[in-house]
Amino acid sequence: MFGLGTSEIVLIVGVLLLFFGAKQLPDLARGLGKGIREFKDATSDIKDTIDKSIND
């Protein structure tokens, strides 16, 4: 996963807990996941549009 080891991931989660707190972390992760999903959907739509225009 991005070349990160277990210790690096634990450190990142610890820093996130310090900055955002335990209550806001699930909302932050949910928002990040939604953003990534929307980005993937948009890139997939663009790819499909390009493929259709090439095949026509």
N, C-alpha and C. Protein backbone atom coordinates (compact mmCIF):
# COMPACT_ATOMS: atom_id res chain seq x y z
N MET A 1 0.84 -1.18 0.00
CA MET A 1 0.00 0.00 0.00
C MET A 1 0.88 1.24 0.00
N PHE A 2 1.19 1.77 -1.14
CA PHE A 2 1.98 2.98 -1.31
C PHE A 2 3.38 2.85 -0.72
N GLY A 3 3.86 1.64 -0.51
CA GLY A 3 5.19 1.44 0.03
C GLY A 3 5.30 1.81 1.50
N LEU A 4 4.19 1.83 2.22
CA LEU A 4 4.20 2.16 3.64
C LEU A 4 4.18 0.90 4.47
N GLY A 5 5.00 0.89 5.50
CA GLY A 5 5.01 -0.23 6.42
C GLY A 5 4.01 -0.02 7.55
N THR A 6 3.91 -1.01 8.40
CA THR A 6 2.97 -0.95 9.52
C THR A 6 3.29 0.21 10.45
N SER A 7 4.56 0.42 10.74
CA SER A 7 4.92 1.49 11.67
C SER A 7 4.57 2.86 11.11
N GLU A 8 4.74 3.05 9.79
CA GLU A 8 4.39 4.33 9.19
C GLU A 8 2.89 4.58 9.24
N ILE A 9 2.12 3.54 8.98
CA ILE A 9 0.66 3.67 9.01
C ILE A 9 0.18 4.00 10.42
N VAL A 10 0.76 3.33 11.42
CA VAL A 10 0.40 3.61 12.81
C VAL A 10 0.74 5.05 13.17
N LEU A 11 1.90 5.52 12.73
CA LEU A 11 2.30 6.90 13.00
C LEU A 11 1.34 7.89 12.35
N ILE A 12 0.95 7.64 11.11
CA ILE A 12 0.02 8.53 10.41
C ILE A 12 -1.32 8.57 11.12
N VAL A 13 -1.83 7.41 11.52
CA VAL A 13 -3.11 7.36 12.23
C VAL A 13 -3.00 8.11 13.56
N GLY A 14 -1.88 7.96 14.25
CA GLY A 14 -1.67 8.69 15.51
C GLY A 14 -1.67 10.19 15.31
N VAL A 15 -1.01 10.66 14.28
CA VAL A 15 -0.98 12.10 13.99
C VAL A 15 -2.38 12.59 13.63
N LEU A 16 -3.11 11.80 12.85
CA LEU A 16 -4.48 12.19 12.50
C LEU A 16 -5.36 12.27 13.74
N LEU A 17 -5.18 11.34 14.67
CA LEU A 17 -5.95 11.38 15.91
C LEU A 17 -5.62 12.64 16.70
N LEU A 18 -4.35 13.04 16.72
CA LEU A 18 -3.97 14.25 17.44
C LEU A 18 -4.58 15.50 16.81
N PHE A 19 -4.57 15.57 15.49
CA PHE A 19 -5.08 16.75 14.79
C PHE A 19 -6.60 16.83 14.81
N PHE A 20 -7.27 15.74 14.53
CA PHE A 20 -8.71 15.78 14.32
C PHE A 20 -9.52 15.22 15.49
N GLY A 21 -8.92 14.44 16.34
CA GLY A 21 -9.65 13.84 17.45
C GLY A 21 -10.37 12.58 17.03
N ALA A 22 -10.69 11.76 18.01
CA ALA A 22 -11.30 10.46 17.74
C ALA A 22 -12.72 10.60 17.19
N LYS A 23 -13.42 11.67 17.56
CA LYS A 23 -14.81 11.83 17.12
C LYS A 23 -14.90 12.23 15.65
N GLN A 24 -13.95 13.02 15.16
CA GLN A 24 -14.02 13.50 13.79
C GLN A 24 -13.36 12.56 12.80
N LEU A 25 -12.54 11.63 13.26
CA LEU A 25 -11.80 10.75 12.36
C LEU A 25 -12.71 9.89 11.48
N PRO A 26 -13.78 9.27 11.99
CA PRO A 26 -14.66 8.49 11.10
C PRO A 26 -15.31 9.35 10.02
N ASP A 27 -15.72 10.57 10.37
CA ASP A 27 -16.30 11.45 9.36
C ASP A 27 -15.28 11.84 8.31
N LEU A 28 -14.05 12.08 8.74
CA LEU A 28 -12.97 12.41 7.81
C LEU A 28 -12.70 11.25 6.86
N ALA A 29 -12.64 10.04 7.40
CA ALA A 29 -12.39 8.85 6.57
C ALA A 29 -13.55 8.62 5.60
N ARG A 30 -14.76 8.82 6.06
CA ARG A 30 -15.94 8.65 5.21
C ARG A 30 -15.92 9.66 4.06
N GLY A 31 -15.60 10.90 4.37
CA GLY A 31 -15.51 11.93 3.33
C GLY A 31 -14.41 11.64 2.34
N LEU A 32 -13.27 11.16 2.83
CA LEU A 32 -12.16 10.81 1.95
C LEU A 32 -12.54 9.66 1.03
N GLY A 33 -13.19 8.65 1.58
CA GLY A 33 -13.64 7.52 0.77
C GLY A 33 -14.64 7.94 -0.29
N LYS A 34 -15.56 8.83 0.08
CA LYS A 34 -16.54 9.32 -0.89
C LYS A 34 -15.86 10.10 -2.00
N GLY A 35 -14.88 10.92 -1.64
CA GLY A 35 -14.15 11.69 -2.65
C GLY A 35 -13.39 10.80 -3.61
N ILE A 36 -12.75 9.76 -3.08
CA ILE A 36 -12.01 8.83 -3.93
C ILE A 36 -12.96 8.09 -4.86
N ARG A 37 -14.11 7.67 -4.34
CA ARG A 37 -15.10 6.97 -5.16
C ARG A 37 -15.61 7.86 -6.28
N GLU A 38 -15.90 9.12 -5.97
CA GLU A 38 -16.38 10.05 -7.00
C GLU A 38 -15.31 10.30 -8.06
N PHE A 39 -14.05 10.38 -7.64
CA PHE A 39 -12.95 10.58 -8.58
C PHE A 39 -12.82 9.37 -9.51
N LYS A 40 -12.91 8.16 -8.95
CA LYS A 40 -12.83 6.95 -9.78
C LYS A 40 -13.99 6.88 -10.76
N ASP A 41 -15.19 7.23 -10.29
CA ASP A 41 -16.36 7.22 -11.18
C ASP A 41 -16.19 8.21 -12.32
N ALA A 42 -15.68 9.39 -12.00
CA ALA A 42 -15.50 10.42 -13.03
C ALA A 42 -14.45 9.99 -14.04
N THR A 43 -13.35 9.41 -13.58
CA THR A 43 -12.32 8.97 -14.53
C THR A 43 -12.82 7.81 -15.37
N SER A 44 -13.65 6.96 -14.79
CA SER A 44 -14.23 5.85 -15.56
C SER A 44 -15.18 6.38 -16.63
N ASP A 45 -15.98 7.39 -16.28
CA ASP A 45 -16.89 7.99 -17.27
C ASP A 45 -16.12 8.64 -18.40
N ILE A 46 -15.05 9.34 -18.07
CA ILE A 46 -14.23 9.99 -19.11
C ILE A 46 -13.60 8.94 -20.01
N LYS A 47 -13.10 7.86 -19.42
CA LYS A 47 -12.49 6.79 -20.21
C LYS A 47 -13.52 6.15 -21.14
N ASP A 48 -14.72 5.91 -20.63
CA ASP A 48 -15.78 5.33 -21.47
C ASP A 48 -16.15 6.26 -22.62
N THR A 49 -16.22 7.55 -22.35
CA THR A 49 -16.54 8.52 -23.40
C THR A 49 -15.47 8.54 -24.48
N ILE A 50 -14.22 8.51 -24.07
CA ILE A 50 -13.11 8.49 -25.03
C ILE A 50 -13.14 7.20 -25.84
N ASP A 51 -13.35 6.07 -25.18
CA ASP A 51 -13.41 4.78 -25.89
C ASP A 51 -14.55 4.76 -26.91
N LYS A 52 -15.71 5.31 -26.53
CA LYS A 52 -16.85 5.35 -27.46
C LYS A 52 -16.54 6.22 -28.67
N SER A 53 -15.91 7.37 -28.44
CA SER A 53 -15.62 8.27 -29.56
C SER A 53 -14.55 7.68 -30.48
N ILE A 54 -13.64 6.89 -29.94
CA ILE A 54 -12.63 6.23 -30.77
C ILE A 54 -13.25 5.12 -31.59
N ASN A 55 -14.16 4.36 -31.00
CA ASN A 55 -14.77 3.22 -31.69
C ASN A 55 -15.83 3.63 -32.71
N ASP A 56 -16.34 4.83 -32.62
CA ASP A 56 -17.38 5.27 -33.57
C ASP A 56 -16.80 5.77 -34.83
